[in-house]
Protein backbone atom coordinates (compact mmCIF):
# COMPACT_ATOMS: atom_id res chain seq x y z
CA MET A 1 125.73 -34.44 -80.56
CA GLU A 2 122.92 -32.25 -81.88
CA LYS A 3 120.31 -34.62 -80.40
CA THR A 4 122.04 -34.58 -77.00
CA LEU A 5 122.07 -30.78 -76.92
CA LEU A 6 118.34 -30.70 -77.69
CA ASP A 7 117.66 -33.40 -75.06
CA ILE A 8 119.49 -31.40 -72.39
CA ALA A 9 117.62 -28.21 -73.29
CA LEU A 10 114.24 -30.00 -73.15
CA ILE A 11 115.08 -31.66 -69.82
CA LEU A 12 116.14 -28.36 -68.23
CA MET A 13 113.02 -26.52 -69.43
CA PHE A 14 110.53 -29.27 -68.55
CA THR A 15 112.06 -30.00 -65.13
CA LYS A 16 112.15 -26.34 -64.18
CA ILE A 17 108.50 -25.86 -65.22
CA GLY A 18 107.63 -29.01 -63.27
CA GLY A 19 109.52 -27.66 -60.26
CA ILE A 20 107.62 -24.36 -60.38
CA ILE A 21 104.29 -26.23 -60.48
CA SER A 22 105.40 -28.47 -57.58
CA ARG A 23 106.34 -25.42 -55.48
CA LYS A 24 102.93 -23.89 -56.16
CA LEU A 25 101.38 -27.10 -54.83
CA LYS A 26 103.74 -26.91 -51.79
CA MET A 27 105.59 -30.05 -52.88
CA PRO A 28 109.35 -30.53 -53.38
CA GLU A 29 110.70 -29.59 -56.83
CA VAL A 30 112.05 -33.12 -57.25
CA LEU A 31 108.51 -34.39 -57.87
CA GLY A 32 108.09 -31.99 -60.77
CA ALA A 33 111.42 -33.12 -62.22
CA LEU A 34 110.40 -36.79 -61.98
CA VAL A 35 107.08 -36.13 -63.71
CA ALA A 36 108.89 -34.09 -66.39
CA GLY A 37 111.12 -37.10 -67.08
CA VAL A 38 108.09 -39.37 -67.44
CA ILE A 39 106.48 -36.90 -69.88
CA LEU A 40 109.65 -36.55 -71.98
CA GLY A 41 110.40 -40.29 -71.94
CA PRO A 42 108.99 -43.25 -73.87
CA VAL A 43 105.79 -43.43 -71.81
CA VAL A 44 104.29 -40.11 -73.05
CA LEU A 45 106.06 -37.94 -75.66
CA ASN A 46 109.00 -40.26 -76.36
CA ILE A 47 111.30 -37.40 -77.42
CA VAL A 48 114.17 -38.06 -74.98
CA GLN A 49 115.88 -41.46 -74.64
CA TYR A 50 118.05 -42.67 -71.77
CA ASP A 51 121.27 -42.98 -73.80
CA ASP A 52 124.94 -43.00 -72.72
CA ASN A 53 125.22 -39.20 -72.80
CA ILE A 54 122.21 -38.67 -70.53
CA LYS A 55 123.43 -41.51 -68.29
CA LEU A 56 126.85 -39.84 -67.86
CA LEU A 57 125.32 -36.48 -66.96
CA ALA A 58 122.84 -38.18 -64.61
CA ASN A 59 125.69 -40.01 -62.81
CA LEU A 60 127.56 -36.72 -62.43
CA GLY A 61 124.31 -35.24 -61.09
CA VAL A 62 124.13 -37.92 -58.38
CA ILE A 63 127.69 -37.17 -57.24
CA MET A 64 126.97 -33.42 -57.15
CA LEU A 65 123.69 -33.98 -55.33
CA MET A 66 125.35 -35.96 -52.54
CA PHE A 67 128.32 -33.57 -52.38
CA LEU A 68 125.84 -30.74 -51.88
CA ALA A 69 123.97 -32.78 -49.23
CA GLY A 70 127.23 -33.12 -47.31
CA LEU A 71 127.95 -29.39 -47.62
CA GLU A 72 124.47 -28.56 -46.32
CA THR A 73 124.88 -30.81 -43.28
CA ASN A 74 125.69 -28.88 -40.12
CA ILE A 75 128.44 -30.85 -38.36
CA GLU A 76 127.85 -29.01 -35.08
CA GLU A 77 124.15 -29.87 -35.14
CA PHE A 78 125.15 -33.45 -35.95
CA LYS A 79 127.36 -33.51 -32.83
CA LYS A 80 124.56 -32.00 -30.72
CA ALA A 81 121.98 -34.51 -31.99
CA GLY A 82 122.84 -36.62 -28.99
CA PHE A 83 121.92 -40.05 -27.76
CA THR A 84 118.16 -39.65 -28.24
CA SER A 85 118.39 -38.77 -31.94
CA PHE A 86 120.99 -41.50 -32.50
CA VAL A 87 118.74 -44.21 -31.01
CA ILE A 88 115.69 -42.94 -32.94
CA ALA A 89 117.70 -42.98 -36.19
CA MET A 90 119.23 -46.40 -35.52
CA VAL A 91 115.89 -48.09 -34.78
CA GLY A 92 114.30 -46.08 -37.61
CA VAL A 93 116.78 -47.70 -40.00
CA LEU A 94 116.63 -51.25 -38.61
CA VAL A 95 112.82 -51.63 -38.53
CA PRO A 96 112.17 -50.60 -42.19
CA LEU A 97 115.19 -52.67 -43.23
CA ILE A 98 113.84 -55.83 -41.59
CA LEU A 99 110.23 -55.21 -42.68
CA GLY A 100 111.37 -54.35 -46.21
CA ILE A 101 113.43 -57.53 -46.57
CA GLY A 102 110.62 -59.66 -45.13
CA SER A 103 107.91 -58.13 -47.34
CA ALA A 104 110.10 -58.47 -50.46
CA TYR A 105 110.12 -62.24 -49.96
CA MET A 106 106.38 -62.15 -50.65
CA PHE A 107 107.26 -61.44 -54.30
CA PHE A 108 110.91 -62.36 -54.97
CA ASN A 109 113.37 -65.11 -54.06
CA ASN A 110 116.59 -63.24 -54.88
CA ALA A 111 118.23 -62.59 -51.50
CA TRP A 112 120.30 -59.55 -52.52
CA GLU A 113 117.39 -57.94 -54.34
CA ASN A 114 115.25 -58.37 -51.22
CA VAL A 115 117.98 -56.91 -48.99
CA PHE A 116 118.26 -53.95 -51.36
CA VAL A 117 114.50 -53.34 -51.07
CA GLY A 118 115.01 -53.06 -47.31
CA VAL A 119 117.91 -50.66 -47.84
CA ILE A 120 115.80 -48.44 -50.13
CA LEU A 121 113.10 -48.20 -47.45
CA THR A 122 115.55 -47.05 -44.74
CA ALA A 123 116.00 -43.63 -46.38
CA THR A 124 114.46 -40.46 -44.95
CA SER A 125 113.97 -37.09 -46.63
CA VAL A 126 113.33 -34.51 -43.95
CA SER A 127 113.06 -31.43 -46.21
CA ILE A 128 109.27 -31.69 -46.55
CA SER A 129 108.95 -32.25 -42.77
CA VAL A 130 111.09 -29.16 -42.06
CA GLU A 131 108.87 -27.02 -44.31
CA THR A 132 105.72 -28.30 -42.58
CA LEU A 133 107.18 -27.91 -39.07
CA THR A 134 108.29 -24.36 -39.90
CA GLU A 135 104.80 -23.55 -41.19
CA LEU A 136 103.27 -24.96 -37.98
CA GLY A 137 105.85 -23.15 -35.79
CA LYS A 138 106.96 -26.51 -34.32
CA LEU A 139 110.51 -26.74 -35.66
CA ASN A 140 112.13 -25.90 -32.30
CA THR A 141 109.98 -28.22 -30.21
CA ARG A 142 111.49 -31.38 -28.72
CA SER A 143 109.85 -33.41 -31.48
CA GLY A 144 111.12 -31.08 -34.22
CA ILE A 145 114.70 -31.07 -32.93
CA ASN A 146 114.75 -34.87 -32.68
CA ILE A 147 113.32 -35.23 -36.21
CA LEU A 148 116.13 -33.04 -37.57
CA GLY A 149 118.87 -34.78 -35.58
CA ALA A 150 117.63 -38.27 -36.37
CA ALA A 151 117.26 -37.43 -40.08
CA VAL A 152 120.92 -36.38 -40.35
CA ILE A 153 122.11 -39.55 -38.58
CA ASP A 154 119.66 -41.59 -40.68
CA ASP A 155 121.31 -40.27 -43.88
CA VAL A 156 124.78 -41.24 -42.67
CA LEU A 157 123.68 -44.71 -41.55
CA GLY A 158 121.78 -45.18 -44.80
CA LEU A 159 124.80 -44.32 -46.94
CA VAL A 160 127.02 -46.72 -44.99
CA LEU A 161 124.37 -49.42 -45.38
CA ILE A 162 124.09 -48.80 -49.15
CA SER A 163 127.85 -49.09 -49.54
CA VAL A 164 128.07 -52.29 -47.48
CA VAL A 165 125.19 -54.06 -49.27
CA LEU A 166 126.33 -52.87 -52.71
CA ALA A 167 129.89 -54.07 -52.12
CA LEU A 168 128.84 -57.43 -50.67
CA ALA A 169 126.21 -58.05 -53.38
CA GLN A 170 128.73 -57.45 -56.15
CA THR A 171 131.45 -59.48 -54.42
CA SER A 172 129.20 -62.47 -53.67
CA GLY A 173 128.55 -63.04 -57.35
CA ALA A 174 132.13 -62.52 -58.47
CA ASN A 175 133.55 -65.98 -57.72
CA ALA A 176 132.10 -69.45 -57.99
CA ASP A 177 134.60 -70.98 -55.54
CA SER A 178 133.18 -70.64 -51.99
CA GLY A 179 136.63 -70.27 -50.40
CA ALA A 180 137.65 -67.48 -52.77
CA GLN A 181 134.22 -65.90 -52.31
CA THR A 182 134.57 -65.88 -48.52
CA LEU A 183 138.05 -64.35 -48.76
CA SER A 184 136.75 -61.72 -51.17
CA LEU A 185 133.86 -60.87 -48.83
CA LEU A 186 136.21 -60.53 -45.84
CA LEU A 187 138.52 -58.31 -47.88
CA THR A 188 135.57 -56.14 -48.93
CA ILE A 189 134.39 -55.78 -45.33
CA GLY A 190 137.93 -54.86 -44.29
CA LYS A 191 138.14 -52.17 -46.98
CA ILE A 192 134.77 -50.74 -45.92
CA LEU A 193 135.82 -50.60 -42.25
CA LEU A 194 139.11 -48.94 -43.18
CA PHE A 195 137.28 -46.42 -45.37
CA CYS A 196 134.86 -45.61 -42.50
CA ILE A 197 137.70 -45.15 -39.97
CA ILE A 198 139.67 -42.89 -42.33
CA SER A 199 136.49 -40.94 -43.16
CA ILE A 200 135.66 -40.31 -39.49
CA ALA A 201 139.23 -39.20 -38.77
CA THR A 202 139.15 -36.93 -41.83
CA ILE A 203 135.84 -35.32 -40.83
CA VAL A 204 137.14 -34.70 -37.28
CA TYR A 205 140.69 -33.45 -37.97
CA LEU A 206 141.05 -32.26 -41.59
CA PRO A 207 138.80 -29.13 -41.47
CA GLY A 208 141.17 -27.49 -38.96
CA TYR A 209 144.15 -27.92 -41.30
CA LEU A 210 142.09 -26.82 -44.32
CA ASN A 211 141.07 -23.62 -42.52
CA LYS A 212 144.74 -22.73 -41.98
CA PHE A 213 145.36 -23.22 -45.70
CA THR A 214 142.24 -21.38 -46.91
CA LYS A 215 143.15 -18.28 -44.87
CA ILE A 216 145.65 -17.46 -47.61
CA MET A 217 143.15 -18.35 -50.36
CA LYS A 218 140.26 -16.01 -51.01
CA PRO A 219 136.96 -17.65 -52.03
CA GLY A 220 137.01 -17.77 -55.82
CA ARG A 221 137.04 -20.01 -58.86
CA GLU A 222 140.24 -21.80 -57.78
CA LEU A 223 138.66 -22.85 -54.47
CA LEU A 224 135.50 -24.06 -56.23
CA THR A 225 137.50 -26.03 -58.80
CA PHE A 226 139.66 -27.74 -56.18
CA SER A 227 136.54 -28.54 -54.08
CA LEU A 228 134.80 -30.17 -57.06
CA ALA A 229 137.96 -32.08 -57.92
CA ALA A 230 138.18 -33.33 -54.32
CA ALA A 231 134.57 -34.58 -54.43
CA PHE A 232 135.18 -36.53 -57.63
CA ILE A 233 138.51 -37.95 -56.38
CA ILE A 234 136.99 -39.24 -53.14
CA ALA A 235 133.98 -40.60 -55.07
CA PHE A 236 136.47 -42.35 -57.39
CA ILE A 237 138.36 -43.86 -54.43
CA ALA A 238 135.08 -45.07 -52.91
CA GLU A 239 134.05 -46.69 -56.21
CA LYS A 240 137.51 -48.21 -56.65
CA ILE A 241 137.32 -50.10 -53.36
CA GLY A 242 133.75 -51.22 -53.99
CA ILE A 243 131.87 -48.58 -51.99
CA ALA A 244 129.19 -46.37 -53.56
CA GLY A 245 130.69 -43.21 -55.04
CA ILE A 246 127.87 -41.15 -53.51
CA THR A 247 129.25 -42.01 -50.04
CA GLY A 248 132.64 -40.57 -50.95
CA ALA A 249 131.05 -37.41 -52.36
CA TYR A 250 128.93 -36.99 -49.21
CA ILE A 251 131.96 -37.38 -46.95
CA CYS A 252 133.87 -34.76 -48.97
CA GLY A 253 130.91 -32.42 -48.50
CA LEU A 254 130.89 -33.08 -44.74
CA VAL A 255 134.59 -32.21 -44.49
CA LEU A 256 134.22 -28.96 -46.44
CA SER A 257 131.04 -28.03 -44.52
CA ALA A 258 133.24 -27.39 -41.48
CA THR A 259 135.62 -25.02 -43.29
CA ALA A 260 135.65 -21.22 -43.28
CA HIS A 261 134.56 -20.86 -46.92
CA LYS A 262 131.67 -23.32 -46.68
CA VAL A 263 129.03 -20.75 -47.67
CA TYR A 264 130.85 -19.80 -50.88
CA ILE A 265 131.43 -23.44 -51.91
CA GLU A 266 127.85 -24.45 -51.07
CA LYS A 267 126.33 -21.52 -52.99
CA ASN A 268 128.28 -22.29 -56.17
CA VAL A 269 127.89 -26.07 -56.00
CA LYS A 270 124.16 -25.58 -55.52
CA ALA A 271 124.01 -23.45 -58.66
CA ILE A 272 125.71 -26.19 -60.70
CA SER A 273 123.73 -29.03 -59.12
CA SER A 274 120.24 -27.58 -58.71
CA GLY A 275 120.40 -25.59 -61.93
CA PHE A 276 121.82 -28.29 -64.18
CA LEU A 277 123.12 -31.75 -63.26
CA SER A 278 120.66 -32.87 -60.58
CA LEU A 279 117.76 -31.86 -62.85
CA ILE A 280 119.10 -34.23 -65.50
CA PHE A 281 119.43 -37.00 -62.91
CA PHE A 282 115.84 -36.72 -61.64
CA ALA A 283 114.50 -36.44 -65.18
CA SER A 284 116.51 -39.55 -66.15
CA VAL A 285 114.83 -41.45 -63.33
CA GLY A 286 111.44 -40.49 -64.77
CA ILE A 287 112.61 -41.47 -68.26
CA GLU A 288 113.83 -44.86 -66.96
CA ALA A 289 110.61 -45.56 -65.06
CA ASN A 290 108.79 -47.87 -67.45
CA LEU A 291 105.14 -47.18 -66.63
CA LYS A 292 104.13 -49.46 -69.49
CA GLY A 293 105.24 -52.32 -67.26
CA PHE A 294 102.71 -51.30 -64.59
CA ASN A 295 100.44 -54.26 -63.86
CA LEU A 296 98.57 -55.86 -60.96
CA GLU A 297 101.73 -57.37 -59.45
CA VAL A 298 103.55 -54.02 -59.57
CA LEU A 299 100.51 -52.42 -57.91
CA GLU A 300 100.64 -55.03 -55.13
CA ILE A 301 104.38 -54.45 -54.64
CA THR A 302 103.78 -50.69 -54.52
CA LEU A 303 101.04 -51.01 -51.88
CA VAL A 304 103.16 -53.32 -49.71
CA MET A 305 106.22 -51.05 -50.01
CA PHE A 306 104.11 -48.00 -49.15
CA VAL A 307 102.63 -49.64 -46.04
CA VAL A 308 106.09 -50.81 -44.93
CA ALA A 309 107.52 -47.33 -45.64
CA VAL A 310 104.96 -45.69 -43.35
CA ILE A 311 104.77 -48.33 -40.60
CA GLY A 312 108.56 -48.84 -40.59
CA LYS A 313 109.27 -45.24 -39.63
CA VAL A 314 106.23 -44.66 -37.40
CA VAL A 315 106.87 -47.85 -35.41
CA GLY A 316 110.68 -47.67 -35.60
CA CYS A 317 111.30 -43.99 -34.86
CA GLY A 318 108.13 -43.47 -32.83
CA GLY A 319 108.69 -46.67 -30.82
CA ALA A 320 112.29 -45.66 -30.06
CA ALA A 321 111.13 -42.23 -28.89
CA ARG A 322 108.54 -43.86 -26.64
CA LEU A 323 111.18 -46.16 -25.12
CA LEU A 324 113.23 -43.04 -24.39
CA LYS A 325 110.36 -41.79 -22.17
CA MET A 326 108.93 -39.26 -24.61
CA SER A 327 105.15 -38.73 -24.57
CA LYS A 328 102.82 -40.67 -26.87
CA SER A 329 102.04 -37.59 -28.96
CA GLU A 330 105.74 -36.65 -29.31
CA SER A 331 106.58 -40.22 -30.32
CA LEU A 332 103.86 -40.17 -32.98
CA GLN A 333 105.05 -36.78 -34.26
CA ILE A 334 108.65 -38.02 -34.58
CA GLY A 335 107.56 -41.24 -36.31
CA VAL A 336 105.35 -39.37 -38.78
CA GLY A 337 108.03 -36.73 -39.40
CA MET A 338 110.46 -39.41 -40.61
CA VAL A 339 108.04 -41.05 -43.09
CA SER A 340 108.89 -39.01 -46.20
CA ARG A 341 111.34 -40.60 -48.63
CA GLY A 342 113.18 -38.56 -51.20
CA GLU A 343 116.46 -38.13 -53.04
CA VAL A 344 118.39 -40.85 -51.21
CA ALA A 345 115.70 -43.47 -51.87
CA ILE A 346 115.62 -42.52 -55.56
CA ILE A 347 119.43 -42.55 -55.80
CA THR A 348 119.61 -45.92 -54.02
CA ALA A 349 117.01 -47.48 -56.31
CA ASN A 350 118.75 -46.03 -59.38
CA ILE A 351 122.11 -47.49 -58.29
CA GLY A 352 120.47 -50.87 -57.68
CA LEU A 353 118.91 -50.80 -61.15
CA GLN A 354 122.15 -49.81 -62.88
CA LYS A 355 124.13 -52.48 -61.00
CA HIS A 356 121.44 -55.06 -61.92
CA ILE A 357 120.69 -55.83 -58.25
CA ILE A 358 117.02 -54.85 -58.56
CA SER A 359 114.61 -55.03 -61.52
CA GLN A 360 112.10 -52.58 -62.99
CA GLU A 361 109.47 -54.36 -60.88
CA ILE A 362 111.11 -52.79 -57.81
CA PHE A 363 112.34 -49.56 -59.39
CA LEU A 364 108.91 -48.36 -60.51
CA PRO A 365 107.17 -48.97 -57.14
CA THR A 366 110.05 -47.16 -55.40
CA ILE A 367 109.44 -43.99 -57.41
CA ILE A 368 105.70 -44.16 -56.69
CA VAL A 369 106.32 -44.75 -52.97
CA VAL A 370 108.66 -41.72 -52.84
CA ILE A 371 105.90 -39.57 -54.34
CA LEU A 372 103.17 -40.99 -52.05
CA THR A 373 105.19 -40.58 -48.83
CA THR A 374 106.15 -37.04 -49.84
CA VAL A 375 102.49 -36.14 -50.39
CA ILE A 376 101.18 -37.83 -47.23
CA THR A 377 103.82 -36.63 -44.71
CA PRO A 378 102.65 -32.98 -44.42
CA VAL A 379 99.06 -34.15 -43.91
CA LEU A 380 100.04 -36.65 -41.21
CA LEU A 381 102.30 -34.09 -39.48
CA LYS A 382 99.52 -31.50 -39.28
CA ILE A 383 97.20 -34.12 -37.75
CA ALA A 384 99.91 -35.31 -35.31
CA PHE A 385 100.61 -31.74 -34.11
CA SER A 386 96.97 -30.71 -33.76
CA HIS A 387 96.00 -29.97 -30.14
CA ARG A 388 92.93 -32.20 -30.38
CA ASN A 389 95.06 -35.14 -31.50
CA GLU A 390 97.72 -34.52 -28.81
CA LYS A 391 95.04 -34.60 -26.11
CA ALA A 392 93.45 -37.75 -27.54
CA VAL A 393 96.77 -39.61 -27.90
CA ASP A 394 98.20 -38.66 -24.49
CA ALA A 395 94.92 -39.29 -22.69
């Protein structure tokens, strides 16, 4: 117990210092937390190990992180995203998925591992794009609005995809008998569809009933406790039927984001998540990343994944925007704005590693690709929005 207490204290201090340095460099705090984990782990100082206690806290951190993501999602903006953003997001998921699966076959023969590589590459983290667009004063342009709308839809599609692939991958290896395996797969698909239908109905209708109930309940500790309990219960239900728990937590966040006391719940959940549990999760990812296993093959995988990560979004999202009659420069801006990967890609890779669907050979390149795309996106966005570039592209 004493060692665990010291480990937690070191993780919190190192990740927060790393976050401060990242902010100074105009990078997301998550990068500082990842680097802090690498420093604390076996690669550098070797003073914190990824044991069962850290694993439990990290898993709780993932649930809280996705619950918070749901709370921070604006349902009204999601509804207003419209057909254009939906098409951009849909194609922006399909193209990296297909390219990711195809490129993975260059190195691996395991079908489910290759599919999971594609799933990892579908993720989008728009936070760095929003910061850059705000700095450039381009957030409310047609390109900026479509980047925001498509990113929200991208997250939802990505979570559904993670759950489907995770459930099918685990089910496919459960039975040797092909007949029983087929029946199990069909049952899993049925459960996923039922979960999606119930989730949509809940998101649409439940907030209205909750608002009637919360009128008699002032925002306070009771409300926060019940909200956290709800997130863990829905995550448990999702896990129980074979769907990723993070999907359940995200859906719970979406439901509560449409309630009257959303601001209070979000503020307090953010304090718990950003100040404690999510820091442990990101540090644990850095601790798990075995840099000692970095070799020429891992470098090749990293380079291929990085190229696919960039091209997949630029061609997928940008191509969809172009088909929707947007200008060449706007299409490029949208494609570039969707390049950055982030929390969802890290969470997806971590789930794949824990469920033994992917190996360290994929996990390590994923972390590096997340860092590279996060660093390169602001640079590409500034180039894409420069007047000189807009004139050259549209000419």
